Amino acid sequence: MAKNIYVGNLVWEATADDLLALFQTFGAVARAQVITDRETGRSRGFGFVEMDNDQEAQTAIDNLNGTPYRGRPLTVNEARPREERGGSGGRGGYGGGHRDRGGYGGRGGYGGGHRDRGYNSGQTY
């Protein structure tokens, strides 16, 4: 069974070919991928490598985790499955995400915000 490996703390310029070259010294690489931002196309600083042989994959993880690569220490470990995200909450998508209120009066600023405890209109003094 193939083992999927997470590779983090990559320099922005790193490519799938760079990952391929880095991991091929430990065995056959089935796939290498650098994750990019959907909108900008720029690297997100991490990627995945899939190796067919579990022992070779573990050797690569053991040898590359913490190793400097182009001036940055790599984070290399067995990839965990993505957590399921529901249709609501979280960031982005429909019905979730953050909305910018704009202007004043959000949190702090001139309007006091929702955490202002200095005056309670329901309290009699």
PDB file of N, CA and C in Angstrom:
ATOM      1  N   MET A   1       0.843  -1.190   0.000  1.00  0.00           N
ATOM      2  CA  MET A   1       0.000   0.000   0.000  1.00  0.00           C
ATOM      3  C   MET A   1       0.884   1.247   0.000  1.00  0.00           C
ATOM      4  N   ALA A   2       0.516   2.235  -0.780  1.00  0.00           N
ATOM      5  CA  ALA A   2       1.303   3.463  -0.888  1.00  0.00           C
ATOM      6  C   ALA A   2       1.172   4.283   0.390  1.00  0.00           C
ATOM      7  N   LYS A   3       2.237   4.993   0.704  1.00  0.00           N
ATOM      8  CA  LYS A   3       2.225   5.852   1.878  1.00  0.00           C
ATOM      9  C   LYS A   3       2.310   7.300   1.411  1.00  0.00           C
ATOM     10  N   ASN A   4       1.403   8.128   1.915  1.00  0.00           N
ATOM     11  CA  ASN A   4       1.369   9.541   1.578  1.00  0.00           C
ATOM     12  C   ASN A   4       2.127  10.315   2.649  1.00  0.00           C
ATOM     13  N   ILE A   5       3.051  11.169   2.230  1.00  0.00           N
ATOM     14  CA  ILE A   5       3.937  11.886   3.141  1.00  0.00           C
ATOM     15  C   ILE A   5       3.694  13.382   3.016  1.00  0.00           C
ATOM     16  N   TYR A   6       3.523  14.042   4.166  1.00  0.00           N
ATOM     17  CA  TYR A   6       3.381  15.497   4.223  1.00  0.00           C
ATOM     18  C   TYR A   6       4.770  16.114   4.294  1.00  0.00           C
ATOM     19  N   VAL A   7       5.004  17.157   3.500  1.00  0.00           N
ATOM     20  CA  VAL A   7       6.278  17.880   3.520  1.00  0.00           C
ATOM     21  C   VAL A   7       5.951  19.353   3.725  1.00  0.00           C
ATOM     22  N   GLY A   8       6.322  19.889   4.888  1.00  0.00           N
ATOM     23  CA  GLY A   8       6.000  21.272   5.213  1.00  0.00           C
ATOM     24  C   GLY A   8       7.224  22.146   5.369  1.00  0.00           C
ATOM     25  N   ASN A   9       6.981  23.445   5.473  1.00  0.00           N
ATOM     26  CA  ASN A   9       7.998  24.478   5.627  1.00  0.00           C
ATOM     27  C   ASN A   9       8.873  24.594   4.380  1.00  0.00           C
ATOM     28  N   LEU A  10       8.255  24.387   3.219  1.00  0.00           N
ATOM     29  CA  LEU A  10       8.977  24.509   1.953  1.00  0.00           C
ATOM     30  C   LEU A  10       9.189  25.978   1.602  1.00  0.00           C
ATOM     31  N   VAL A  11      10.286  26.249   0.902  1.00  0.00           N
ATOM     32  CA  VAL A  11      10.475  27.594   0.358  1.00  0.00           C
ATOM     33  C   VAL A  11       9.419  27.794  -0.726  1.00  0.00           C
ATOM     34  N   TRP A  12       9.026  29.034  -0.953  1.00  0.00           N
ATOM     35  CA  TRP A  12       7.948  29.324  -1.899  1.00  0.00           C
ATOM     36  C   TRP A  12       8.278  28.849  -3.309  1.00  0.00           C
ATOM     37  N   GLU A  13       9.561  28.807  -3.646  1.00  0.00           N
ATOM     38  CA  GLU A  13       9.975  28.459  -5.004  1.00  0.00           C
ATOM     39  C   GLU A  13      10.030  26.956  -5.252  1.00  0.00           C
ATOM     40  N   ALA A  14       9.848  26.140  -4.227  1.00  0.00           N
ATOM     41  CA  ALA A  14       9.962  24.681  -4.376  1.00  0.00           C
ATOM     42  C   ALA A  14       8.911  24.154  -5.356  1.00  0.00           C
ATOM     43  N   THR A  15       9.320  23.181  -6.165  1.00  0.00           N
ATOM     44  CA  THR A  15       8.431  22.583  -7.163  1.00  0.00           C
ATOM     45  C   THR A  15       8.252  21.092  -6.883  1.00  0.00           C
ATOM     46  N   ALA A  16       7.335  20.482  -7.599  1.00  0.00           N
ATOM     47  CA  ALA A  16       7.128  19.038  -7.489  1.00  0.00           C
ATOM     48  C   ALA A  16       8.396  18.295  -7.897  1.00  0.00           C
ATOM     49  N   ASP A  17       9.113  18.810  -8.891  1.00  0.00           N
ATOM     50  CA  ASP A  17      10.372  18.183  -9.313  1.00  0.00           C
ATOM     51  C   ASP A  17      11.413  18.218  -8.197  1.00  0.00           C
ATOM     52  N   ASP A  18      11.430  19.301  -7.402  1.00  0.00           N
ATOM     53  CA  ASP A  18      12.347  19.386  -6.261  1.00  0.00           C
ATOM     54  C   ASP A  18      12.027  18.296  -5.243  1.00  0.00           C
ATOM     55  N   LEU A  19      10.743  18.106  -4.951  1.00  0.00           N
ATOM     56  CA  LEU A  19      10.334  17.059  -4.007  1.00  0.00           C
ATOM     57  C   LEU A  19      10.688  15.682  -4.547  1.00  0.00           C
ATOM     58  N   LEU A  20      10.466  15.488  -5.826  1.00  0.00           N
ATOM     59  CA  LEU A  20      10.788  14.220  -6.472  1.00  0.00           C
ATOM     60  C   LEU A  20      12.274  13.902  -6.307  1.00  0.00           C
ATOM     61  N   ALA A  21      13.123  14.870  -6.601  1.00  0.00           N
ATOM     62  CA  ALA A  21      14.570  14.670  -6.488  1.00  0.00           C
ATOM     63  C   ALA A  21      14.983  14.399  -5.044  1.00  0.00           C
ATOM     64  N   LEU A  22      14.358  15.088  -4.111  1.00  0.00           N
ATOM     65  CA  LEU A  22      14.688  14.940  -2.696  1.00  0.00           C
ATOM     66  C   LEU A  22      14.334  13.549  -2.174  1.00  0.00           C
ATOM     67  N   PHE A  23      13.189  13.025  -2.579  1.00  0.00           N
ATOM     68  CA  PHE A  23      12.705  11.750  -2.052  1.00  0.00           C
ATOM     69  C   PHE A  23      13.181  10.538  -2.841  1.00  0.00           C
ATOM     70  N   GLN A  24      13.561  10.715  -4.098  1.00  0.00           N
ATOM     71  CA  GLN A  24      13.998   9.582  -4.913  1.00  0.00           C
ATOM     72  C   GLN A  24      15.263   8.924  -4.374  1.00  0.00           C
ATOM     73  N   THR A  25      16.026   9.648  -3.576  1.00  0.00           N
ATOM     74  CA  THR A  25      17.230   9.039  -2.998  1.00  0.00           C
ATOM     75  C   THR A  25      16.875   7.935  -2.009  1.00  0.00           C
ATOM     76  N   PHE A  26      15.616   7.895  -1.556  1.00  0.00           N
ATOM     77  CA  PHE A  26      15.188   6.889  -0.577  1.00  0.00           C
ATOM     78  C   PHE A  26      14.341   5.778  -1.194  1.00  0.00           C
ATOM     79  N   GLY A  27      13.934   5.940  -2.453  1.00  0.00           N
ATOM     80  CA  GLY A  27      13.141   4.908  -3.112  1.00  0.00           C
ATOM     81  C   GLY A  27      12.278   5.480  -4.213  1.00  0.00           C
ATOM     82  N   ALA A  28      11.434   4.622  -4.758  1.00  0.00           N
ATOM     83  CA  ALA A  28      10.566   5.012  -5.873  1.00  0.00           C
ATOM     84  C   ALA A  28       9.451   5.934  -5.395  1.00  0.00           C
ATOM     85  N   VAL A  29       9.287   7.047  -6.101  1.00  0.00           N
ATOM     86  CA  VAL A  29       8.246   8.020  -5.792  1.00  0.00           C
ATOM     87  C   VAL A  29       7.128   7.874  -6.819  1.00  0.00           C
ATOM     88  N   ALA A  30       5.918   7.616  -6.334  1.00  0.00           N
ATOM     89  CA  ALA A  30       4.769   7.470  -7.229  1.00  0.00           C
ATOM     90  C   ALA A  30       4.238   8.830  -7.676  1.00  0.00           C
ATOM     91  N   ARG A  31       4.310   9.813  -6.767  1.00  0.00           N
ATOM     92  CA  ARG A  31       3.739  11.129  -7.064  1.00  0.00           C
ATOM     93  C   ARG A  31       4.339  12.162  -6.132  1.00  0.00           C
ATOM     94  N   ALA A  32       4.556  13.372  -6.633  1.00  0.00           N
ATOM     95  CA  ALA A  32       5.014  14.496  -5.815  1.00  0.00           C
ATOM     96  C   ALA A  32       4.204  15.721  -6.215  1.00  0.00           C
ATOM     97  N   GLN A  33       3.789  16.496  -5.214  1.00  0.00           N
ATOM     98  CA  GLN A  33       2.906  17.628  -5.485  1.00  0.00           C
ATOM     99  C   GLN A  33       3.176  18.742  -4.482  1.00  0.00           C
ATOM    100  N   VAL A  34       3.308  19.974  -4.976  1.00  0.00           N
ATOM    101  CA  VAL A  34       3.376  21.151  -4.121  1.00  0.00           C
ATOM    102  C   VAL A  34       2.001  21.801  -4.184  1.00  0.00           C
ATOM    103  N   ILE A  35       1.418  22.084  -3.034  1.00  0.00           N
ATOM    104  CA  ILE A  35       0.071  22.648  -2.976  1.00  0.00           C
ATOM    105  C   ILE A  35       0.145  24.153  -3.232  1.00  0.00           C
ATOM    106  N   THR A  36      -0.721  24.621  -4.128  1.00  0.00           N
ATOM    107  CA  THR A  36      -0.726  26.040  -4.478  1.00  0.00           C
ATOM    108  C   THR A  36      -2.070  26.668  -4.128  1.00  0.00           C
ATOM    109  N   ASP A  37      -2.043  27.968  -3.940  1.00  0.00           N
ATOM    110  CA  ASP A  37      -3.253  28.727  -3.675  1.00  0.00           C
ATOM    111  C   ASP A  37      -4.117  28.734  -4.932  1.00  0.00           C
ATOM    112  N   ARG A  38      -5.382  28.443  -4.782  1.00  0.00           N
ATOM    113  CA  ARG A  38      -6.288  28.356  -5.918  1.00  0.00           C
ATOM    114  C   ARG A  38      -6.398  29.673  -6.685  1.00  0.00           C
ATOM    115  N   GLU A  39      -6.394  30.783  -5.967  1.00  0.00           N
ATOM    116  CA  GLU A  39      -6.603  32.081  -6.608  1.00  0.00           C
ATOM    117  C   GLU A  39      -5.326  32.661  -7.198  1.00  0.00           C
ATOM    118  N   THR A  40      -4.206  32.557  -6.461  1.00  0.00           N
ATOM    119  CA  THR A  40      -2.974  33.205  -6.915  1.00  0.00           C
ATOM    120  C   THR A  40      -2.041  32.261  -7.657  1.00  0.00           C
ATOM    121  N   GLY A  41      -2.196  30.950  -7.442  1.00  0.00           N
ATOM    122  CA  GLY A  41      -1.295  29.986  -8.061  1.00  0.00           C
ATOM    123  C   GLY A  41       0.041  29.882  -7.352  1.00  0.00           C
ATOM    124  N   ARG A  42       0.218  30.638  -6.279  1.00  0.00           N
ATOM    125  CA  ARG A  42       1.472  30.651  -5.535  1.00  0.00           C
ATOM    126  C   ARG A  42       1.517  29.483  -4.546  1.00  0.00           C
ATOM    127  N   SER A  43       2.713  28.962  -4.306  1.00  0.00           N
ATOM    128  CA  SER A  43       2.887  27.854  -3.369  1.00  0.00           C
ATOM    129  C   SER A  43       2.363  28.234  -1.991  1.00  0.00           C
ATOM    130  N   ARG A  44       1.773  27.259  -1.302  1.00  0.00           N
ATOM    131  CA  ARG A  44       1.309  27.479   0.067  1.00  0.00           C
ATOM    132  C   ARG A  44       2.349  27.018   1.079  1.00  0.00           C
ATOM    133  N   GLY A  45       3.517  26.568   0.597  1.00  0.00           N
ATOM    134  CA  GLY A  45       4.614  26.214   1.495  1.00  0.00           C
ATOM    135  C   GLY A  45       4.600  24.779   1.982  1.00  0.00           C
ATOM    136  N   PHE A  46       3.769  23.940   1.373  1.00  0.00           N
ATOM    137  CA  PHE A  46       3.775  22.527   1.739  1.00  0.00           C
ATOM    138  C   PHE A  46       3.372  21.688   0.541  1.00  0.00           C
ATOM    139  N   GLY A  47       3.619  20.391   0.661  1.00  0.00           N
ATOM    140  CA  GLY A  47       3.282  19.485  -0.425  1.00  0.00           C
ATOM    141  C   GLY A  47       3.154  18.066   0.078  1.00  0.00           C
ATOM    142  N   PHE A  48       2.964  17.144  -0.858  1.00  0.00           N
ATOM    143  CA  PHE A  48       2.814  15.732  -0.526  1.00  0.00           C
ATOM    144  C   PHE A  48       3.628  14.891  -1.488  1.00  0.00           C
ATOM    145  N   VAL A  49       4.168  13.809  -0.950  1.00  0.00           N
ATOM    146  CA  VAL A  49       4.902  12.837  -1.750  1.00  0.00           C
ATOM    147  C   VAL A  49       4.288  11.478  -1.459  1.00  0.00           C
ATOM    148  N   GLU A  50       4.037  10.708  -2.504  1.00  0.00           N
ATOM    149  CA  GLU A  50       3.495   9.362  -2.333  1.00  0.00           C
ATOM    150  C   GLU A  50       4.555   8.359  -2.759  1.00  0.00           C
ATOM    151  N   MET A  51       4.860   7.434  -1.845  1.00  0.00           N
ATOM    152  CA  MET A  51       5.843   6.390  -2.123  1.00  0.00           C
ATOM    153  C   MET A  51       5.152   5.036  -2.003  1.00  0.00           C
ATOM    154  N   ASP A  52       5.467   4.126  -2.932  1.00  0.00           N
ATOM    155  CA  ASP A  52       4.811   2.817  -2.967  1.00  0.00           C
ATOM    156  C   ASP A  52       5.264   1.882  -1.854  1.00  0.00           C
ATOM    157  N   ASN A  53       6.516   1.993  -1.450  1.00  0.00           N
ATOM    158  CA  ASN A  53       7.080   1.086  -0.456  1.00  0.00           C
ATOM    159  C   ASN A  53       7.055   1.748   0.921  1.00  0.00           C
ATOM    160  N   ASP A  54       6.342   1.131   1.870  1.00  0.00           N
ATOM    161  CA  ASP A  54       6.210   1.707   3.214  1.00  0.00           C
ATOM    162  C   ASP A  54       7.547   1.871   3.917  1.00  0.00           C
ATOM    163  N   GLN A  55       8.438   0.901   3.772  1.00  0.00           N
ATOM    164  CA  GLN A  55       9.738   0.971   4.447  1.00  0.00           C
ATOM    165  C   GLN A  55      10.581   2.119   3.889  1.00  0.00           C
ATOM    166  N   GLU A  56      10.575   2.274   2.572  1.00  0.00           N
ATOM    167  CA  GLU A  56      11.315   3.380   1.950  1.00  0.00           C
ATOM    168  C   GLU A  56      10.723   4.721   2.373  1.00  0.00           C
ATOM    169  N   ALA A  57       9.409   4.783   2.458  1.00  0.00           N
ATOM    170  CA  ALA A  57       8.741   6.011   2.884  1.00  0.00           C
ATOM    171  C   ALA A  57       9.127   6.360   4.318  1.00  0.00           C
ATOM    172  N   GLN A  58       9.144   5.370   5.204  1.00  0.00           N
ATOM    173  CA  GLN A  58       9.505   5.619   6.596  1.00  0.00           C
ATOM    174  C   GLN A  58      10.957   6.058   6.711  1.00  0.00           C
ATOM    175  N   THR A  59      11.835   5.466   5.903  1.00  0.00           N
ATOM    176  CA  THR A  59      13.244   5.863   5.894  1.00  0.00           C
ATOM    177  C   THR A  59      13.378   7.317   5.446  1.00  0.00           C
ATOM    178  N   ALA A  60      12.614   7.709   4.431  1.00  0.00           N
ATOM    179  CA  ALA A  60      12.640   9.095   3.959  1.00  0.00           C
ATOM    180  C   ALA A  60      12.160  10.046   5.052  1.00  0.00           C
ATOM    181  N   ILE A  61      11.072   9.686   5.735  1.00  0.00           N
ATOM    182  CA  ILE A  61      10.547  10.516   6.823  1.00  0.00           C
ATOM    183  C   ILE A  61      11.597  10.670   7.917  1.00  0.00           C
ATOM    184  N   ASP A  62      12.186   9.549   8.339  1.00  0.00           N
ATOM    185  CA  ASP A  62      13.178   9.570   9.417  1.00  0.00           C
ATOM    186  C   ASP A  62      14.392  10.415   9.062  1.00  0.00           C
ATOM    187  N   ASN A  63      14.810  10.373   7.798  1.00  0.00           N
ATOM    188  CA  ASN A  63      16.017  11.081   7.386  1.00  0.00           C
ATOM    189  C   ASN A  63      15.784  12.541   7.020  1.00  0.00           C
ATOM    190  N   LEU A  64      14.609  12.885   6.546  1.00  0.00           N
ATOM    191  CA  LEU A  64      14.375  14.248   6.058  1.00  0.00           C
ATOM    192  C   LEU A  64      13.703  15.176   7.063  1.00  0.00           C
ATOM    193  N   ASN A  65      12.983  14.648   8.037  1.00  0.00           N
ATOM    194  CA  ASN A  65      12.307  15.506   9.007  1.00  0.00           C
ATOM    195  C   ASN A  65      13.332  16.329   9.789  1.00  0.00           C
ATOM    196  N   GLY A  66      13.181  17.641   9.754  1.00  0.00           N
ATOM    197  CA  GLY A  66      14.095  18.539  10.456  1.00  0.00           C
ATOM    198  C   GLY A  66      15.337  18.906   9.667  1.00  0.00           C
ATOM    199  N   THR A  67      15.528  18.288   8.513  1.00  0.00           N
ATOM    200  CA  THR A  67      16.701  18.560   7.686  1.00  0.00           C
ATOM    201  C   THR A  67      16.552  19.909   6.987  1.00  0.00           C
ATOM    202  N   PRO A  68      17.594  20.742   7.019  1.00  0.00           N
ATOM    203  CA  PRO A  68      17.516  22.020   6.298  1.00  0.00           C
ATOM    204  C   PRO A  68      17.447  21.795   4.786  1.00  0.00           C
ATOM    205  N   TYR A  69      16.552  22.502   4.139  1.00  0.00           N
ATOM    206  CA  TYR A  69      16.435  22.462   2.685  1.00  0.00           C
ATOM    207  C   TYR A  69      16.282  23.900   2.210  1.00  0.00           C
ATOM    208  N   ARG A  70      17.283  24.371   1.491  1.00  0.00           N
ATOM    209  CA  ARG A  70      17.333  25.761   1.026  1.00  0.00           C
ATOM    210  C   ARG A  70      17.146  26.741   2.185  1.00  0.00           C
ATOM    211  N   GLY A  71      17.780  26.421   3.307  1.00  0.00           N
ATOM    212  CA  GLY A  71      17.783  27.324   4.450  1.00  0.00           C
ATOM    213  C   GLY A  71      16.621  27.181   5.413  1.00  0.00           C
ATOM    214  N   ARG A  72      15.728  26.246   5.179  1.00  0.00           N
ATOM    215  CA  ARG A  72      14.583  26.059   6.083  1.00  0.00           C
ATOM    216  C   ARG A  72      14.496  24.603   6.506  1.00  0.00           C
ATOM    217  N   PRO A  73      14.257  24.346   7.800  1.00  0.00           N
ATOM    218  CA  PRO A  73      14.126  22.950   8.258  1.00  0.00           C
ATOM    219  C   PRO A  73      12.789  22.360   7.802  1.00  0.00           C
ATOM    220  N   LEU A  74      12.857  21.240   7.110  1.00  0.00           N
ATOM    221  CA  LEU A  74      11.649  20.590   6.608  1.00  0.00           C
ATOM    222  C   LEU A  74      10.861  19.928   7.729  1.00  0.00           C
ATOM    223  N   THR A  75       9.552  19.937   7.603  1.00  0.00           N
ATOM    224  CA  THR A  75       8.668  19.143   8.451  1.00  0.00           C
ATOM    225  C   THR A  75       8.179  18.001   7.572  1.00  0.00           C
ATOM    226  N   VAL A  76       8.580  16.784   7.915  1.00  0.00           N
ATOM    227  CA  VAL A  76       8.228  15.625   7.099  1.00  0.00           C
ATOM    228  C   VAL A  76       7.614  14.568   8.008  1.00  0.00           C
ATOM    229  N   ASN A  77       6.374  14.181   7.722  1.00  0.00           N
ATOM    230  CA  ASN A  77       5.728  13.117   8.489  1.00  0.00           C
ATOM    231  C   ASN A  77       4.650  12.450   7.648  1.00  0.00           C
ATOM    232  N   GLU A  78       4.127  11.358   8.174  1.00  0.00           N
ATOM    233  CA  GLU A  78       3.068  10.654   7.458  1.00  0.00           C
ATOM    234  C   GLU A  78       1.843  11.554   7.391  1.00  0.00           C
ATOM    235  N   ALA A  79       1.300  11.703   6.192  1.00  0.00           N
ATOM    236  CA  ALA A  79       0.139  12.576   6.005  1.00  0.00           C
ATOM    237  C   ALA A  79      -1.071  11.982   6.698  1.00  0.00           C
ATOM    238  N   ARG A  80      -1.847  12.843   7.336  1.00  0.00           N
ATOM    239  CA  ARG A  80      -3.098  12.431   7.968  1.00  0.00           C
ATOM    240  C   ARG A  80      -4.238  12.755   7.016  1.00  0.00           C
ATOM    241  N   PRO A  81      -5.289  11.953   7.041  1.00  0.00           N
ATOM    242  CA  PRO A  81      -6.444  12.252   6.174  1.00  0.00           C
ATOM    243  C   PRO A  81      -7.051  13.596   6.540  1.00  0.00           C
ATOM    244  N   ARG A  82      -7.566  14.296   5.541  1.00  0.00           N
ATOM    245  CA  ARG A  82      -8.219  15.577   5.804  1.00  0.00           C
ATOM    246  C   ARG A  82      -9.457  15.348   6.645  1.00  0.00           C
ATOM    247  N   GLU A  83      -9.687  16.267   7.575  1.00  0.00           N
ATOM    248  CA  GLU A  83     -10.893  16.178   8.385  1.00  0.00           C
ATOM    249  C   GLU A  83     -12.071  16.612   7.535  1.00  0.00           C
ATOM    250  N   GLU A  84     -13.186  15.929   7.726  1.00  0.00           N
ATOM    251  CA  GLU A  84     -14.391  16.300   6.999  1.00  0.00           C
ATOM    252  C   GLU A  84     -14.855  17.668   7.472  1.00  0.00           C
ATOM    253  N   ARG A  85     -15.203  18.494   6.521  1.00  0.00           N
ATOM    254  CA  ARG A  85     -15.718  19.809   6.864  1.00  0.00           C
ATOM    255  C   ARG A  85     -17.183  19.858   6.472  1.00  0.00           C
ATOM    256  N   GLY A  86     -18.017  20.277   7.400  1.00  0.00           N
ATOM    257  CA  GLY A  86     -19.439  20.387   7.111  1.00  0.00           C
ATOM    258  C   GLY A  86     -19.711  21.556   6.179  1.00  0.00           C
ATOM    259  N   GLY A  87     -20.945  21.696   5.740  1.00  0.00           N
ATOM    260  CA  GLY A  87     -21.302  22.764   4.828  1.00  0.00           C
ATOM    261  C   GLY A  87     -21.424  24.115   5.495  1.00  0.00           C
ATOM    262  N   SER A  88     -21.495  24.142   6.823  1.00  0.00           N
ATOM    263  CA  SER A  88     -21.639  25.424   7.494  1.00  0.00           C
ATOM    264  C   SER A  88     -20.474  25.630   8.442  1.00  0.00           C
ATOM    265  N   GLY A  89     -20.321  26.853   8.862  1.00  0.00           N
ATOM    266  CA  GLY A  89     -19.229  27.181   9.768  1.00  0.00           C
ATOM    267  C   GLY A  89     -17.916  27.222   9.033  1.00  0.00           C
ATOM    268  N   GLY A  90     -16.845  27.253   9.758  1.00  0.00           N
ATOM    269  CA  GLY A  90     -15.543  27.308   9.125  1.00  0.00           C
ATOM    270  C   GLY A  90     -15.348  28.622   8.395  1.00  0.00           C
ATOM    271  N   ARG A  91     -14.483  28.593   7.398  1.00  0.00           N
ATOM    272  CA  ARG A  91     -14.228  29.796   6.627  1.00  0.00           C
ATOM    273  C   ARG A  91     -14.622  29.562   5.180  1.00  0.00           C
ATOM    274  N   GLY A  92     -15.111  30.584   4.565  1.00  0.00           N
ATOM    275  CA  GLY A  92     -15.421  30.517   3.148  1.00  0.00           C
ATOM    276  C   GLY A  92     -16.654  29.691   2.853  1.00  0.00           C
ATOM    277  N   GLY A  93     -16.912  29.480   1.578  1.00  0.00           N
ATOM    278  CA  GLY A  93     -18.066  28.687   1.179  1.00  0.00           C
ATOM    279  C   GLY A  93     -19.359  29.458   1.384  1.00  0.00           C
ATOM    280  N   TYR A  94     -20.458  28.776   1.212  1.00  0.00           N
ATOM    281  CA  TYR A  94     -21.750  29.423   1.381  1.00  0.00           C
ATOM    282  C   TYR A  94     -22.178  29.363   2.837  1.00  0.00           C
ATOM    283  N   GLY A  95     -22.701  30.442   3.332  1.00  0.00           N
ATOM    284  CA  GLY A  95     -23.276  30.464   4.665  1.00  0.00           C
ATOM    285  C   GLY A  95     -22.265  30.551   5.788  1.00  0.00           C
ATOM    286  N   GLY A  96     -20.993  30.473   5.497  1.00  0.00           N
ATOM    287  CA  GLY A  96     -19.989  30.539   6.553  1.00  0.00           C
ATOM    288  C   GLY A  96     -19.081  31.720   6.307  1.00  0.00           C
ATOM    289  N   GLY A  97     -17.931  31.660   6.880  1.00  0.00           N
ATOM    290  CA  GLY A  97     -16.934  32.679   6.604  1.00  0.00           C
ATOM    291  C   GLY A  97     -17.099  33.908   7.463  1.00  0.00           C
ATOM    292  N   HIS A  98     -16.244  34.857   7.201  1.00  0.00           N
ATOM    293  CA  HIS A  98     -16.218  36.091   7.974  1.00  0.00           C
ATOM    294  C   HIS A  98     -16.719  37.226   7.103  1.00  0.00           C
ATOM    295  N   ARG A  99     -17.478  38.086   7.690  1.00  0.00           N
ATOM    296  CA  ARG A  99     -17.958  39.243   6.941  1.00  0.00           C
ATOM    297  C   ARG A  99     -17.324  40.492   7.534  1.00  0.00           C
ATOM    298  N   ASP A 100     -16.884  41.354   6.675  1.00  0.00           N
ATOM    299  CA  ASP A 100     -16.289  42.604   7.123  1.00  0.00           C
ATOM    300  C   ASP A 100     -17.405  43.610   7.366  1.00  0.00           C
ATOM    301  N   ARG A 101     -17.487  44.119   8.574  1.00  0.00           N
ATOM    302  CA  ARG A 101     -18.544  45.067   8.894  1.00  0.00           C
ATOM    303  C   ARG A 101     -18.245  46.439   8.299  1.00  0.00           C
ATOM    304  N   GLY A 102     -16.981  46.753   8.177  1.00  0.00           N
ATOM    305  CA  GLY A 102     -16.601  48.050   7.634  1.00  0.00           C
ATOM    306  C   GLY A 102     -16.925  49.170   8.602  1.00  0.00           C
ATOM    307  N   GLY A 103     -16.400  50.335   8.355  1.00  0.00           N
ATOM    308  CA  GLY A 103     -16.701  51.506   9.167  1.00  0.00           C
ATOM    309  C   GLY A 103     -16.259  51.352  10.610  1.00  0.00           C
ATOM    310  N   TYR A 104     -16.918  52.111  11.480  1.00  0.00           N
ATOM    311  CA  TYR A 104     -16.576  52.085  12.892  1.00  0.00           C
ATOM    312  C   TYR A 104     -17.599  51.276  13.669  1.00  0.00           C
ATOM    313  N   GLY A 105     -17.266  50.921  14.880  1.00  0.00           N
ATOM    314  CA  GLY A 105     -18.235  50.323  15.774  1.00  0.00           C
ATOM    315  C   GLY A 105     -18.231  48.812  15.793  1.00  0.00           C
ATOM    316  N   GLY A 106     -17.342  48.160  15.069  1.00  0.00           N
ATOM    317  CA  GLY A 106     -17.254  46.711  15.110  1.00  0.00           C
ATOM    318  C   GLY A 106     -16.742  46.266  16.459  1.00  0.00           C
ATOM    319  N   ARG A 107     -15.501  45.969  16.548  1.00  0.00           N
ATOM    320  CA  ARG A 107     -14.875  45.618  17.825  1.00  0.00           C
ATOM    321  C   ARG A 107     -13.952  46.765  18.185  1.00  0.00           C
ATOM    322  N   GLY A 108     -14.257  47.431  19.231  1.00  0.00           N
ATOM    323  CA  GLY A 108     -13.422  48.568  19.611  1.00  0.00           C
ATOM    324  C   GLY A 108     -13.725  49.738  18.694  1.00  0.00           C
ATOM    325  N   GLY A 109     -12.750  50.560  18.435  1.00  0.00           N
ATOM    326  CA  GLY A 109     -12.957  51.717  17.568  1.00  0.00           C
ATOM    327  C   GLY A 109     -13.836  52.741  18.263  1.00  0.00           C
ATOM    328  N   TYR A 110     -14.478  53.588  17.470  1.00  0.00           N
ATOM    329  CA  TYR A 110     -15.269  54.663  18.051  1.00  0.00           C
ATOM    330  C   TYR A 110     -16.595  54.196  18.623  1.00  0.00           C
ATOM    331  N   GLY A 111     -17.120  53.089  18.156  1.00  0.00           N
ATOM    332  CA  GLY A 111     -18.439  52.655  18.594  1.00  0.00           C
ATOM    333  C   GLY A 111     -18.436  51.886  19.899  1.00  0.00           C
ATOM    334  N   GLY A 112     -17.265  51.540  20.406  1.00  0.00           N
ATOM    335  CA  GLY A 112     -17.212  50.804  21.656  1.00  0.00           C
ATOM    336  C   GLY A 112     -17.186  49.310  21.454  1.00  0.00           C
ATOM    337  N   GLY A 113     -17.907  48.802  20.506  1.00  0.00           N
ATOM    338  CA  GLY A 113     -17.867  47.374  20.222  1.00  0.00           C
ATOM    339  C   GLY A 113     -18.708  46.565  21.180  1.00  0.00           C
ATOM    340  N   HIS A 114     -18.758  45.284  20.957  1.00  0.00           N
ATOM    341  CA  HIS A 114     -19.625  44.421  21.752  1.00  0.00           C
ATOM    342  C   HIS A 114     -19.023  44.062  23.100  1.00  0.00           C
ATOM    343  N   ARG A 115     -17.774  44.374  23.329  1.00  0.00           N
ATOM    344  CA  ARG A 115     -17.155  44.023  24.604  1.00  0.00           C
ATOM    345  C   ARG A 115     -17.079  45.216  25.564  1.00  0.00           C
ATOM    346  N   ASP A 116     -17.672  46.315  25.189  1.00  0.00           N
ATOM    347  CA  ASP A 116     -17.610  47.494  26.039  1.00  0.00           C
ATOM    348  C   ASP A 116     -18.484  47.257  27.267  1.00  0.00           C
ATOM    349  N   ARG A 117     -17.879  47.248  28.422  1.00  0.00           N
ATOM    350  CA  ARG A 117     -18.616  46.993  29.662  1.00  0.00           C
ATOM    351  C   ARG A 117     -18.744  48.261  30.507  1.00  0.00           C
ATOM    352  N   GLY A 118     -18.300  49.372  29.955  1.00  0.00           N
ATOM    353  CA  GLY A 118     -18.278  50.602  30.739  1.00  0.00           C
ATOM    354  C   GLY A 118     -19.658  51.121  31.085  1.00  0.00           C
ATOM    355  N   TYR A 119     -20.644  50.890  30.250  1.00  0.00           N
ATOM    356  CA  TYR A 119     -21.981  51.402  30.495  1.00  0.00           C
ATOM    357  C   TYR A 119     -22.989  50.319  30.170  1.00  0.00           C
ATOM    358  N   ASN A 120     -23.895  50.066  31.060  1.00  0.00           N
ATOM    359  CA  ASN A 120     -24.933  49.071  30.844  1.00  0.00           C
ATOM    360  C   ASN A 120     -26.264  49.803  30.832  1.00  0.00           C
ATOM    361  N   SER A 121     -26.905  49.859  29.666  1.00  0.00           N
ATOM    362  CA  SER A 121     -28.151  50.620  29.554  1.00  0.00           C
ATOM    363  C   SER A 121     -29.274  50.011  30.389  1.00  0.00           C
ATOM    364  N   GLY A 122     -29.176  48.743  30.727  1.00  0.00           N
ATOM    365  CA  GLY A 122     -30.219  48.111  31.521  1.00  0.00           C
ATOM    366  C   GLY A 122     -30.027  48.309  33.017  1.00  0.00           C
ATOM    367  N   GLN A 123     -28.928  48.858  33.419  1.00  0.00           N
ATOM    368  CA  GLN A 123     -28.618  49.017  34.843  1.00  0.00           C
ATOM    369  C   GLN A 123     -29.087  50.384  35.323  1.00  0.00           C
ATOM    370  N   THR A 124     -29.684  50.429  36.496  1.00  0.00           N
ATOM    371  CA  THR A 124     -30.052  51.714  37.081  1.00  0.00           C
ATOM    372  C   THR A 124     -28.946  52.152  38.014  1.00  0.00           C
ATOM    373  N   TYR A 125     -28.646  53.420  37.949  1.00  0.00           N
ATOM    374  CA  TYR A 125     -27.550  53.954  38.774  1.00  0.00           C
ATOM    375  C   TYR A 125     -28.069  54.847  39.850  1.00  0.00           C
TER     376      TYR A 125
END
